[in-house]
Amino acid sequence: MNLESLREYCLSFKGATEDIKWGHDLCFCIAGKMFCVTHLEKPHSTSFKVPDEDFNEMSNRQGFSPAPYVARHKWVLAEDLSALSDKEWKQHVKTSYELVAAKLPAKEKKKLGI
């Protein structure tokens, strides 16, 4: 997966938006809540939320670590976009989106149609 295909995939989710934060990170959000963050400079390290039960396994996988500042919320950091296959990226990003969307207030979910 490359940065542009990751961007297109993230924006394909209902209500997804993008924003540049901290001057060099492209953040994908739903209702202002991040579900995927990628560094704009190569090697494009990317963070995403994982289910609680998958956090330890993903954090200890080669090429991954607990995401700085948000690991307590079960986010992992992939050091490079080549750390996963396209299929795996899609699966993990979709899961991250769903985990974040599930915690939105009912009013916000209804507004977004999710």
PDB file of N, CA and C in Angstrom:
ATOM      1  N   MET A   1       0.852  -1.168   0.000  1.00  0.00           N
ATOM      2  CA  MET A   1       0.000   0.000   0.000  1.00  0.00           C
ATOM      3  C   MET A   1       0.901   1.234   0.000  1.00  0.00           C
ATOM      4  N   ASN A   2       0.501   2.240  -0.730  1.00  0.00           N
ATOM      5  CA  ASN A   2       1.235   3.503  -0.709  1.00  0.00           C
ATOM      6  C   ASN A   2       0.363   4.560  -0.030  1.00  0.00           C
ATOM      7  N   LEU A   3       0.929   5.722   0.177  1.00  0.00           N
ATOM      8  CA  LEU A   3       0.228   6.777   0.902  1.00  0.00           C
ATOM      9  C   LEU A   3      -1.080   7.173   0.221  1.00  0.00           C
ATOM     10  N   GLU A   4      -1.067   7.308  -1.087  1.00  0.00           N
ATOM     11  CA  GLU A   4      -2.271   7.735  -1.795  1.00  0.00           C
ATOM     12  C   GLU A   4      -3.379   6.683  -1.715  1.00  0.00           C
ATOM     13  N   SER A   5      -3.033   5.405  -1.845  1.00  0.00           N
ATOM     14  CA  SER A   5      -4.067   4.374  -1.750  1.00  0.00           C
ATOM     15  C   SER A   5      -4.597   4.264  -0.316  1.00  0.00           C
ATOM     16  N   LEU A   6      -3.741   4.465   0.679  1.00  0.00           N
ATOM     17  CA  LEU A   6      -4.202   4.488   2.072  1.00  0.00           C
ATOM     18  C   LEU A   6      -5.158   5.656   2.268  1.00  0.00           C
ATOM     19  N   ARG A   7      -4.798   6.799   1.735  1.00  0.00           N
ATOM     20  CA  ARG A   7      -5.646   7.991   1.838  1.00  0.00           C
ATOM     21  C   ARG A   7      -7.013   7.745   1.204  1.00  0.00           C
ATOM     22  N   GLU A   8      -7.028   7.219   0.001  1.00  0.00           N
ATOM     23  CA  GLU A   8      -8.295   6.938  -0.684  1.00  0.00           C
ATOM     24  C   GLU A   8      -9.151   5.957   0.108  1.00  0.00           C
ATOM     25  N   TYR A   9      -8.513   4.934   0.643  1.00  0.00           N
ATOM     26  CA  TYR A   9      -9.257   3.936   1.407  1.00  0.00           C
ATOM     27  C   TYR A   9      -9.851   4.554   2.679  1.00  0.00           C
ATOM     28  N   CYS A  10      -9.056   5.306   3.412  1.00  0.00           N
ATOM     29  CA  CYS A  10      -9.557   5.939   4.637  1.00  0.00           C
ATOM     30  C   CYS A  10     -10.729   6.868   4.347  1.00  0.00           C
ATOM     31  N   LEU A  11     -10.651   7.612   3.262  1.00  0.00           N
ATOM     32  CA  LEU A  11     -11.717   8.557   2.929  1.00  0.00           C
ATOM     33  C   LEU A  11     -12.952   7.880   2.343  1.00  0.00           C
ATOM     34  N   SER A  12     -12.862   6.583   2.052  1.00  0.00           N
ATOM     35  CA  SER A  12     -14.020   5.866   1.514  1.00  0.00           C
ATOM     36  C   SER A  12     -15.047   5.529   2.598  1.00  0.00           C
ATOM     37  N   PHE A  13     -14.679   5.674   3.868  1.00  0.00           N
ATOM     38  CA  PHE A  13     -15.604   5.366   4.951  1.00  0.00           C
ATOM     39  C   PHE A  13     -16.584   6.515   5.165  1.00  0.00           C
ATOM     40  N   LYS A  14     -17.800   6.150   5.510  1.00  0.00           N
ATOM     41  CA  LYS A  14     -18.857   7.130   5.732  1.00  0.00           C
ATOM     42  C   LYS A  14     -18.432   8.128   6.821  1.00  0.00           C
ATOM     43  N   GLY A  15     -18.496   9.408   6.486  1.00  0.00           N
ATOM     44  CA  GLY A  15     -18.191  10.463   7.446  1.00  0.00           C
ATOM     45  C   GLY A  15     -16.717  10.727   7.675  1.00  0.00           C
ATOM     46  N   ALA A  16     -15.840  10.033   6.954  1.00  0.00           N
ATOM     47  CA  ALA A  16     -14.396  10.200   7.160  1.00  0.00           C
ATOM     48  C   ALA A  16     -13.912  11.541   6.606  1.00  0.00           C
ATOM     49  N   THR A  17     -13.020  12.167   7.360  1.00  0.00           N
ATOM     50  CA  THR A  17     -12.405  13.421   6.939  1.00  0.00           C
ATOM     51  C   THR A  17     -10.898  13.300   7.132  1.00  0.00           C
ATOM     52  N   GLU A  18     -10.171  14.232   6.536  1.00  0.00           N
ATOM     53  CA  GLU A  18      -8.721  14.255   6.697  1.00  0.00           C
ATOM     54  C   GLU A  18      -8.279  15.639   7.134  1.00  0.00           C
ATOM     55  N   ASP A  19      -7.152  15.663   7.827  1.00  0.00           N
ATOM     56  CA  ASP A  19      -6.618  16.923   8.326  1.00  0.00           C
ATOM     57  C   ASP A  19      -5.137  16.711   8.606  1.00  0.00           C
ATOM     58  N   ILE A  20      -4.356  17.754   8.451  1.00  0.00           N
ATOM     59  CA  ILE A  20      -2.938  17.664   8.805  1.00  0.00           C
ATOM     60  C   ILE A  20      -2.787  18.246  10.205  1.00  0.00           C
ATOM     61  N   LYS A  21      -2.217  17.436  11.087  1.00  0.00           N
ATOM     62  CA  LYS A  21      -1.999  17.851  12.472  1.00  0.00           C
ATOM     63  C   LYS A  21      -0.513  17.778  12.778  1.00  0.00           C
ATOM     64  N   TRP A  22      -0.093  18.588  13.715  1.00  0.00           N
ATOM     65  CA  TRP A  22       1.286  18.601  14.191  1.00  0.00           C
ATOM     66  C   TRP A  22       2.278  18.892  13.066  1.00  0.00           C
ATOM     67  N   GLY A  23       1.798  19.474  11.958  1.00  0.00           N
ATOM     68  CA  GLY A  23       2.661  19.904  10.874  1.00  0.00           C
ATOM     69  C   GLY A  23       3.130  18.834   9.911  1.00  0.00           C
ATOM     70  N   HIS A  24       2.998  17.561  10.275  1.00  0.00           N
ATOM     71  CA  HIS A  24       3.545  16.521   9.391  1.00  0.00           C
ATOM     72  C   HIS A  24       2.798  15.195   9.453  1.00  0.00           C
ATOM     73  N   ASP A  25       1.622  15.176  10.071  1.00  0.00           N
ATOM     74  CA  ASP A  25       0.845  13.944  10.146  1.00  0.00           C
ATOM     75  C   ASP A  25      -0.507  14.128   9.482  1.00  0.00           C
ATOM     76  N   LEU A  26      -0.840  13.191   8.613  1.00  0.00           N
ATOM     77  CA  LEU A  26      -2.130  13.182   7.950  1.00  0.00           C
ATOM     78  C   LEU A  26      -3.058  12.327   8.798  1.00  0.00           C
ATOM     79  N   CYS A  27      -4.090  12.961   9.335  1.00  0.00           N
ATOM     80  CA  CYS A  27      -5.001  12.292  10.265  1.00  0.00           C
ATOM     81  C   CYS A  27      -6.352  12.073   9.593  1.00  0.00           C
ATOM     82  N   PHE A  28      -6.853  10.873   9.740  1.00  0.00           N
ATOM     83  CA  PHE A  28      -8.169  10.522   9.228  1.00  0.00           C
ATOM     84  C   PHE A  28      -9.094  10.369  10.422  1.00  0.00           C
ATOM     85  N   CYS A  29     -10.238  11.035  10.347  1.00  0.00           N
ATOM     86  CA  CYS A  29     -11.137  11.116  11.491  1.00  0.00           C
ATOM     87  C   CYS A  29     -12.573  10.824  11.091  1.00  0.00           C
ATOM     88  N   ILE A  30     -13.347  10.484  12.110  1.00  0.00           N
ATOM     89  CA  ILE A  30     -14.798  10.424  11.989  1.00  0.00           C
ATOM     90  C   ILE A  30     -15.337  11.220  13.165  1.00  0.00           C
ATOM     91  N   ALA A  31     -16.144  12.215  12.868  1.00  0.00           N
ATOM     92  CA  ALA A  31     -16.707  13.104  13.895  1.00  0.00           C
ATOM     93  C   ALA A  31     -15.605  13.690  14.779  1.00  0.00           C
ATOM     94  N   GLY A  32     -14.482  14.027  14.173  1.00  0.00           N
ATOM     95  CA  GLY A  32     -13.382  14.639  14.896  1.00  0.00           C
ATOM     96  C   GLY A  32     -12.523  13.680  15.699  1.00  0.00           C
ATOM     97  N   LYS A  33     -12.831  12.389  15.648  1.00  0.00           N
ATOM     98  CA  LYS A  33     -12.068  11.367  16.370  1.00  0.00           C
ATOM     99  C   LYS A  33     -11.182  10.622  15.383  1.00  0.00           C
ATOM    100  N   MET A  34      -9.901  10.570  15.667  1.00  0.00           N
ATOM    101  CA  MET A  34      -8.948   9.926  14.753  1.00  0.00           C
ATOM    102  C   MET A  34      -9.133   8.411  14.719  1.00  0.00           C
ATOM    103  N   PHE A  35      -8.984   7.842  13.512  1.00  0.00           N
ATOM    104  CA  PHE A  35      -8.954   6.391  13.396  1.00  0.00           C
ATOM    105  C   PHE A  35      -7.705   5.904  12.677  1.00  0.00           C
ATOM    106  N   CYS A  36      -6.970   6.797  12.028  1.00  0.00           N
ATOM    107  CA  CYS A  36      -5.715   6.438  11.365  1.00  0.00           C
ATOM    108  C   CYS A  36      -4.884   7.710  11.217  1.00  0.00           C
ATOM    109  N   VAL A  37      -3.590   7.586  11.518  1.00  0.00           N
ATOM    110  CA  VAL A  37      -2.675   8.725  11.417  1.00  0.00           C
ATOM    111  C   VAL A  37      -1.412   8.239  10.723  1.00  0.00           C
ATOM    112  N   THR A  38      -1.010   8.948   9.667  1.00  0.00           N
ATOM    113  CA  THR A  38       0.213   8.565   8.957  1.00  0.00           C
ATOM    114  C   THR A  38       1.141   9.764   8.813  1.00  0.00           C
ATOM    115  N   HIS A  39       2.409   9.486   8.965  1.00  0.00           N
ATOM    116  CA  HIS A  39       3.436  10.516   8.832  1.00  0.00           C
ATOM    117  C   HIS A  39       3.603  10.827   7.347  1.00  0.00           C
ATOM    118  N   LEU A  40       3.615  12.093   6.991  1.00  0.00           N
ATOM    119  CA  LEU A  40       3.690  12.482   5.586  1.00  0.00           C
ATOM    120  C   LEU A  40       5.062  12.255   4.960  1.00  0.00           C
ATOM    121  N   GLU A  41       6.094  12.204   5.783  1.00  0.00           N
ATOM    122  CA  GLU A  41       7.438  11.972   5.251  1.00  0.00           C
ATOM    123  C   GLU A  41       7.756  10.485   5.303  1.00  0.00           C
ATOM    124  N   LYS A  42       8.514  10.031   4.320  1.00  0.00           N
ATOM    125  CA  LYS A  42       8.889   8.618   4.294  1.00  0.00           C
ATOM    126  C   LYS A  42       9.719   8.290   5.509  1.00  0.00           C
ATOM    127  N   PRO A  43       9.515   7.157   6.095  1.00  0.00           N
ATOM    128  CA  PRO A  43       8.894   5.931   5.601  1.00  0.00           C
ATOM    129  C   PRO A  43       7.402   5.807   5.897  1.00  0.00           C
ATOM    130  N   HIS A  44       6.676   6.867   6.122  1.00  0.00           N
ATOM    131  CA  HIS A  44       5.227   6.864   6.334  1.00  0.00           C
ATOM    132  C   HIS A  44       4.795   5.935   7.464  1.00  0.00           C
ATOM    133  N   SER A  45       5.366   6.121   8.630  1.00  0.00           N
ATOM    134  CA  SER A  45       4.887   5.355   9.784  1.00  0.00           C
ATOM    135  C   SER A  45       3.413   5.692   9.983  1.00  0.00           C
ATOM    136  N   THR A  46       2.645   4.696  10.396  1.00  0.00           N
ATOM    137  CA  THR A  46       1.195   4.848  10.473  1.00  0.00           C
ATOM    138  C   THR A  46       0.670   4.221  11.756  1.00  0.00           C
ATOM    139  N   SER A  47      -0.235   4.925  12.419  1.00  0.00           N
ATOM    140  CA  SER A  47      -0.845   4.435  13.655  1.00  0.00           C
ATOM    141  C   SER A  47      -2.330   4.195  13.448  1.00  0.00           C
ATOM    142  N   PHE A  48      -2.838   3.197  14.156  1.00  0.00           N
ATOM    143  CA  PHE A  48      -4.264   2.890  14.110  1.00  0.00           C
ATOM    144  C   PHE A  48      -4.654   2.150  15.378  1.00  0.00           C
ATOM    145  N   LYS A  49      -5.940   2.171  15.671  1.00  0.00           N
ATOM    146  CA  LYS A  49      -6.482   1.523  16.861  1.00  0.00           C
ATOM    147  C   LYS A  49      -6.738   0.048  16.555  1.00  0.00           C
ATOM    148  N   VAL A  50      -6.480  -0.802  17.551  1.00  0.00           N
ATOM    149  CA  VAL A  50      -6.736  -2.237  17.408  1.00  0.00           C
ATOM    150  C   VAL A  50      -7.622  -2.691  18.573  1.00  0.00           C
ATOM    151  N   PRO A  51      -8.303  -3.814  18.394  1.00  0.00           N
ATOM    152  CA  PRO A  51      -9.093  -4.346  19.520  1.00  0.00           C
ATOM    153  C   PRO A  51      -8.179  -4.635  20.713  1.00  0.00           C
ATOM    154  N   ASP A  52      -8.709  -4.454  21.905  1.00  0.00           N
ATOM    155  CA  ASP A  52      -7.926  -4.660  23.120  1.00  0.00           C
ATOM    156  C   ASP A  52      -7.192  -5.998  23.110  1.00  0.00           C
ATOM    157  N   GLU A  53      -7.880  -7.048  22.676  1.00  0.00           N
ATOM    158  CA  GLU A  53      -7.291  -8.384  22.710  1.00  0.00           C
ATOM    159  C   GLU A  53      -6.166  -8.585  21.690  1.00  0.00           C
ATOM    160  N   ASP A  54      -6.047  -7.694  20.711  1.00  0.00           N
ATOM    161  CA  ASP A  54      -4.993  -7.807  19.687  1.00  0.00           C
ATOM    162  C   ASP A  54      -3.799  -6.896  19.956  1.00  0.00           C
ATOM    163  N   PHE A  55      -3.929  -6.007  20.932  1.00  0.00           N
ATOM    164  CA  PHE A  55      -2.911  -4.986  21.155  1.00  0.00           C
ATOM    165  C   PHE A  55      -1.525  -5.564  21.448  1.00  0.00           C
ATOM    166  N   ASN A  56      -1.415  -6.485  22.387  1.00  0.00           N
ATOM    167  CA  ASN A  56      -0.095  -7.030  22.738  1.00  0.00           C
ATOM    168  C   ASN A  56       0.551  -7.742  21.559  1.00  0.00           C
ATOM    169  N   GLU A  57      -0.227  -8.542  20.852  1.00  0.00           N
ATOM    170  CA  GLU A  57       0.315  -9.264  19.697  1.00  0.00           C
ATOM    171  C   GLU A  57       0.795  -8.297  18.613  1.00  0.00           C
ATOM    172  N   MET A  58      -0.019  -7.299  18.289  1.00  0.00           N
ATOM    173  CA  MET A  58       0.357  -6.335  17.238  1.00  0.00           C
ATOM    174  C   MET A  58       1.548  -5.483  17.680  1.00  0.00           C
ATOM    175  N   SER A  59       1.581  -5.089  18.940  1.00  0.00           N
ATOM    176  CA  SER A  59       2.672  -4.241  19.450  1.00  0.00           C
ATOM    177  C   SER A  59       4.020  -4.939  19.408  1.00  0.00           C
ATOM    178  N   ASN A  60       3.997  -6.257  19.542  1.00  0.00           N
ATOM    179  CA  ASN A  60       5.241  -7.034  19.579  1.00  0.00           C
ATOM    180  C   ASN A  60       5.623  -7.623  18.224  1.00  0.00           C
ATOM    181  N   ARG A  61       4.809  -7.388  17.234  1.00  0.00           N
ATOM    182  CA  ARG A  61       5.082  -7.879  15.889  1.00  0.00           C
ATOM    183  C   ARG A  61       6.257  -7.093  15.296  1.00  0.00           C
ATOM    184  N   GLN A  62       7.062  -7.755  14.491  1.00  0.00           N
ATOM    185  CA  GLN A  62       8.191  -7.064  13.857  1.00  0.00           C
ATOM    186  C   GLN A  62       7.671  -5.898  13.011  1.00  0.00           C
ATOM    187  N   GLY A  63       8.290  -4.739  13.175  1.00  0.00           N
ATOM    188  CA  GLY A  63       7.890  -3.550  12.419  1.00  0.00           C
ATOM    189  C   GLY A  63       6.798  -2.738  13.094  1.00  0.00           C
ATOM    190  N   PHE A  64       6.382  -3.151  14.296  1.00  0.00           N
ATOM    191  CA  PHE A  64       5.319  -2.470  15.037  1.00  0.00           C
ATOM    192  C   PHE A  64       5.789  -2.139  16.439  1.00  0.00           C
ATOM    193  N   SER A  65       5.106  -1.185  17.048  1.00  0.00           N
ATOM    194  CA  SER A  65       5.343  -0.848  18.451  1.00  0.00           C
ATOM    195  C   SER A  65       4.078  -0.177  18.982  1.00  0.00           C
ATOM    196  N   PRO A  66       3.971  -0.059  20.294  1.00  0.00           N
ATOM    197  CA  PRO A  66       2.850   0.722  20.835  1.00  0.00           C
ATOM    198  C   PRO A  66       2.975   2.157  20.314  1.00  0.00           C
ATOM    199  N   ALA A  67       1.885   2.746  19.897  1.00  0.00           N
ATOM    200  CA  ALA A  67       1.922   4.099  19.338  1.00  0.00           C
ATOM    201  C   ALA A  67       2.196   5.122  20.435  1.00  0.00           C
ATOM    202  N   PRO A  68       3.164   6.011  20.209  1.00  0.00           N
ATOM    203  CA  PRO A  68       3.453   7.051  21.208  1.00  0.00           C
ATOM    204  C   PRO A  68       2.196   7.873  21.520  1.00  0.00           C
ATOM    205  N   TYR A  69       2.018   8.203  22.774  1.00  0.00           N
ATOM    206  CA  TYR A  69       0.942   9.044  23.289  1.00  0.00           C
ATOM    207  C   TYR A  69      -0.430   8.373  23.329  1.00  0.00           C
ATOM    208  N   VAL A  70      -0.694   7.396  22.481  1.00  0.00           N
ATOM    209  CA  VAL A  70      -2.042   6.801  22.434  1.00  0.00           C
ATOM    210  C   VAL A  70      -2.052   5.284  22.649  1.00  0.00           C
ATOM    211  N   ALA A  71      -0.936   4.716  23.032  1.00  0.00           N
ATOM    212  CA  ALA A  71      -0.885   3.268  23.266  1.00  0.00           C
ATOM    213  C   ALA A  71      -1.864   2.861  24.371  1.00  0.00           C
ATOM    214  N   ARG A  72      -2.066   3.714  25.341  1.00  0.00           N
ATOM    215  CA  ARG A  72      -2.998   3.363  26.425  1.00  0.00           C
ATOM    216  C   ARG A  72      -4.429   3.189  25.912  1.00  0.00           C
ATOM    217  N   HIS A  73      -4.688   3.722  24.718  1.00  0.00           N
ATOM    218  CA  HIS A  73      -5.999   3.567  24.080  1.00  0.00           C
ATOM    219  C   HIS A  73      -5.978   2.451  23.033  1.00  0.00           C
ATOM    220  N   LYS A  74      -4.933   1.628  23.099  1.00  0.00           N
ATOM    221  CA  LYS A  74      -4.769   0.455  22.221  1.00  0.00           C
ATOM    222  C   LYS A  74      -4.523   0.833  20.760  1.00  0.00           C
ATOM    223  N   TRP A  75      -3.611   1.776  20.562  1.00  0.00           N
ATOM    224  CA  TRP A  75      -3.151   2.144  19.230  1.00  0.00           C
ATOM    225  C   TRP A  75      -1.759   1.561  19.023  1.00  0.00           C
ATOM    226  N   VAL A  76      -1.503   1.092  17.798  1.00  0.00           N
ATOM    227  CA  VAL A  76      -0.177   0.587  17.448  1.00  0.00           C
ATOM    228  C   VAL A  76       0.405   1.444  16.331  1.00  0.00           C
ATOM    229  N   LEU A  77       1.722   1.402  16.207  1.00  0.00           N
ATOM    230  CA  LEU A  77       2.446   2.144  15.183  1.00  0.00           C
ATOM    231  C   LEU A  77       3.144   1.161  14.261  1.00  0.00           C
ATOM    232  N   ALA A  78       2.822   1.226  12.985  1.00  0.00           N
ATOM    233  CA  ALA A  78       3.545   0.465  11.961  1.00  0.00           C
ATOM    234  C   ALA A  78       4.657   1.378  11.468  1.00  0.00           C
ATOM    235  N   GLU A  79       5.884   0.891  11.514  1.00  0.00           N
ATOM    236  CA  GLU A  79       7.031   1.724  11.163  1.00  0.00           C
ATOM    237  C   GLU A  79       7.077   2.123   9.696  1.00  0.00           C
ATOM    238  N   ASP A  80       6.385   1.364   8.853  1.00  0.00           N
ATOM    239  CA  ASP A  80       6.439   1.596   7.413  1.00  0.00           C
ATOM    240  C   ASP A  80       5.181   1.004   6.785  1.00  0.00           C
ATOM    241  N   LEU A  81       4.735   1.574   5.685  1.00  0.00           N
ATOM    242  CA  LEU A  81       3.556   1.037   5.002  1.00  0.00           C
ATOM    243  C   LEU A  81       3.785  -0.371   4.453  1.00  0.00           C
ATOM    244  N   SER A  82       5.046  -0.770   4.315  1.00  0.00           N
ATOM    245  CA  SER A  82       5.332  -2.120   3.827  1.00  0.00           C
ATOM    246  C   SER A  82       5.201  -3.179   4.933  1.00  0.00           C
ATOM    247  N   ALA A  83       4.872  -2.753   6.143  1.00  0.00           N
ATOM    248  CA  ALA A  83       4.753  -3.676   7.275  1.00  0.00           C
ATOM    249  C   ALA A  83       3.583  -4.643   7.121  1.00  0.00           C
ATOM    250  N   LEU A  84       2.615  -4.282   6.279  1.00  0.00           N
ATOM    251  CA  LEU A  84       1.430  -5.111   6.065  1.00  0.00           C
ATOM    252  C   LEU A  84       1.121  -5.196   4.581  1.00  0.00           C
ATOM    253  N   SER A  85       0.415  -6.237   4.200  1.00  0.00           N
ATOM    254  CA  SER A  85      -0.067  -6.346   2.821  1.00  0.00           C
ATOM    255  C   SER A  85      -1.245  -5.382   2.646  1.00  0.00           C
ATOM    256  N   ASP A  86      -1.623  -5.118   1.409  1.00  0.00           N
ATOM    257  CA  ASP A  86      -2.777  -4.247   1.161  1.00  0.00           C
ATOM    258  C   ASP A  86      -4.017  -4.785   1.858  1.00  0.00           C
ATOM    259  N   LYS A  87      -4.219  -6.079   1.772  1.00  0.00           N
ATOM    260  CA  LYS A  87      -5.387  -6.715   2.394  1.00  0.00           C
ATOM    261  C   LYS A  87      -5.361  -6.508   3.912  1.00  0.00           C
ATOM    262  N   GLU A  88      -4.192  -6.676   4.532  1.00  0.00           N
ATOM    263  CA  GLU A  88      -4.075  -6.474   5.975  1.00  0.00           C
ATOM    264  C   GLU A  88      -4.307  -5.014   6.351  1.00  0.00           C
ATOM    265  N   TRP A  89      -3.758  -4.089   5.542  1.00  0.00           N
ATOM    266  CA  TRP A  89      -3.988  -2.666   5.818  1.00  0.00           C
ATOM    267  C   TRP A  89      -5.479  -2.372   5.819  1.00  0.00           C
ATOM    268  N   LYS A  90      -6.165  -2.856   4.800  1.00  0.00           N
ATOM    269  CA  LYS A  90      -7.603  -2.589   4.701  1.00  0.00           C
ATOM    270  C   LYS A  90      -8.346  -3.160   5.895  1.00  0.00           C
ATOM    271  N   GLN A  91      -7.980  -4.349   6.305  1.00  0.00           N
ATOM    272  CA  GLN A  91      -8.632  -4.979   7.446  1.00  0.00           C
ATOM    273  C   GLN A  91      -8.400  -4.164   8.720  1.00  0.00           C
ATOM    274  N   HIS A  92      -7.162  -3.786   8.984  1.00  0.00           N
ATOM    275  CA  HIS A  92      -6.849  -3.056  10.216  1.00  0.00           C
ATOM    276  C   HIS A  92      -7.422  -1.644  10.229  1.00  0.00           C
ATOM    277  N   VAL A  93      -7.375  -0.957   9.105  1.00  0.00           N
ATOM    278  CA  VAL A  93      -7.930   0.399   9.048  1.00  0.00           C
ATOM    279  C   VAL A  93      -9.445   0.351   9.221  1.00  0.00           C
ATOM    280  N   LYS A  94     -10.085  -0.615   8.593  1.00  0.00           N
ATOM    281  CA  LYS A  94     -11.541  -0.765   8.742  1.00  0.00           C
ATOM    282  C   LYS A  94     -11.892  -1.053  10.200  1.00  0.00           C
ATOM    283  N   THR A  95     -11.155  -1.945  10.828  1.00  0.00           N
ATOM    284  CA  THR A  95     -11.394  -2.258  12.240  1.00  0.00           C
ATOM    285  C   THR A  95     -11.207  -1.019  13.108  1.00  0.00           C
ATOM    286  N   SER A  96     -10.158  -0.251  12.847  1.00  0.00           N
ATOM    287  CA  SER A  96      -9.905   0.968  13.610  1.00  0.00           C
ATOM    288  C   SER A  96     -11.076   1.940  13.456  1.00  0.00           C
ATOM    289  N   TYR A  97     -11.523   2.139  12.225  1.00  0.00           N
ATOM    290  CA  TYR A  97     -12.675   3.011  11.947  1.00  0.00           C
ATOM    291  C   TYR A  97     -13.892   2.533  12.740  1.00  0.00           C
ATOM    292  N   GLU A  98     -14.161   1.241  12.686  1.00  0.00           N
ATOM    293  CA  GLU A  98     -15.334   0.687  13.371  1.00  0.00           C
ATOM    294  C   GLU A  98     -15.238   0.835  14.892  1.00  0.00           C
ATOM    295  N   LEU A  99     -14.033   0.637  15.447  1.00  0.00           N
ATOM    296  CA  LEU A  99     -13.846   0.796  16.894  1.00  0.00           C
ATOM    297  C   LEU A  99     -14.097   2.233  17.337  1.00  0.00           C
ATOM    298  N   VAL A 100     -13.591   3.173  16.560  1.00  0.00           N
ATOM    299  CA  VAL A 100     -13.776   4.590  16.896  1.00  0.00           C
ATOM    300  C   VAL A 100     -15.234   4.992  16.693  1.00  0.00           C
ATOM    301  N   ALA A 101     -15.837   4.573  15.585  1.00  0.00           N
ATOM    302  CA  ALA A 101     -17.234   4.917  15.301  1.00  0.00           C
ATOM    303  C   ALA A 101     -18.181   4.347  16.357  1.00  0.00           C
ATOM    304  N   ALA A 102     -17.869   3.168  16.850  1.00  0.00           N
ATOM    305  CA  ALA A 102     -18.732   2.528  17.853  1.00  0.00           C
ATOM    306  C   ALA A 102     -18.827   3.333  19.145  1.00  0.00           C
ATOM    307  N   LYS A 103     -17.811   4.134  19.432  1.00  0.00           N
ATOM    308  CA  LYS A 103     -17.799   4.917  20.680  1.00  0.00           C
ATOM    309  C   LYS A 103     -18.409   6.310  20.520  1.00  0.00           C
ATOM    310  N   LEU A 104     -18.844   6.639  19.321  1.00  0.00           N
ATOM    311  CA  LEU A 104     -19.475   7.942  19.113  1.00  0.00           C
ATOM    312  C   LEU A 104     -20.846   7.964  19.777  1.00  0.00           C
ATOM    313  N   PRO A 105     -21.288   9.131  20.214  1.00  0.00           N
ATOM    314  CA  PRO A 105     -22.639   9.233  20.768  1.00  0.00           C
ATOM    315  C   PRO A 105     -23.688   8.864  19.713  1.00  0.00           C
ATOM    316  N   ALA A 106     -24.800   8.327  20.150  1.00  0.00           N
ATOM    317  CA  ALA A 106     -25.870   7.885  19.243  1.00  0.00           C
ATOM    318  C   ALA A 106     -26.311   9.016  18.313  1.00  0.00           C
ATOM    319  N   LYS A 107     -26.386  10.227  18.843  1.00  0.00           N
ATOM    320  CA  LYS A 107     -26.799  11.385  18.038  1.00  0.00           C
ATOM    321  C   LYS A 107     -25.829  11.605  16.871  1.00  0.00           C
ATOM    322  N   GLU A 108     -24.532  11.464  17.152  1.00  0.00           N
ATOM    323  CA  GLU A 108     -23.510  11.653  16.111  1.00  0.00           C
ATOM    324  C   GLU A 108     -23.585  10.529  15.077  1.00  0.00           C
ATOM    325  N   LYS A 109     -23.783   9.313  15.537  1.00  0.00           N
ATOM    326  CA  LYS A 109     -23.907   8.169  14.616  1.00  0.00           C
ATOM    327  C   LYS A 109     -25.098   8.365  13.675  1.00  0.00           C
ATOM    328  N   LYS A 110     -26.213   8.806  14.245  1.00  0.00           N
ATOM    329  CA  LYS A 110     -27.401   9.031  13.432  1.00  0.00           C
ATOM    330  C   LYS A 110     -27.151  10.126  12.394  1.00  0.00           C
ATOM    331  N   LYS A 111     -26.500  11.193  12.818  1.00  0.00           N
ATOM    332  CA  LYS A 111     -26.183  12.314  11.924  1.00  0.00           C
ATOM    333  C   LYS A 111     -25.308  11.839  10.744  1.00  0.00           C
ATOM    334  N   LEU A 112     -24.371  10.932  11.035  1.00  0.00           N
ATOM    335  CA  LEU A 112     -23.470  10.414  10.007  1.00  0.00           C
ATOM    336  C   LEU A 112     -24.063   9.252   9.209  1.00  0.00           C
ATOM    337  N   GLY A 113     -25.168   8.714   9.703  1.00  0.00           N
ATOM    338  CA  GLY A 113     -25.801   7.587   9.020  1.00  0.00           C
ATOM    339  C   GLY A 113     -25.068   6.278   9.206  1.00  0.00           C
ATOM    340  N   ILE A 114     -24.489   6.108  10.382  1.00  0.00           N
ATOM    341  CA  ILE A 114     -23.780   4.851  10.659  1.00  0.00           C
ATOM    342  C   ILE A 114     -24.394   4.112  11.842  1.00  0.00           C
TER     343      ILE A 114
END
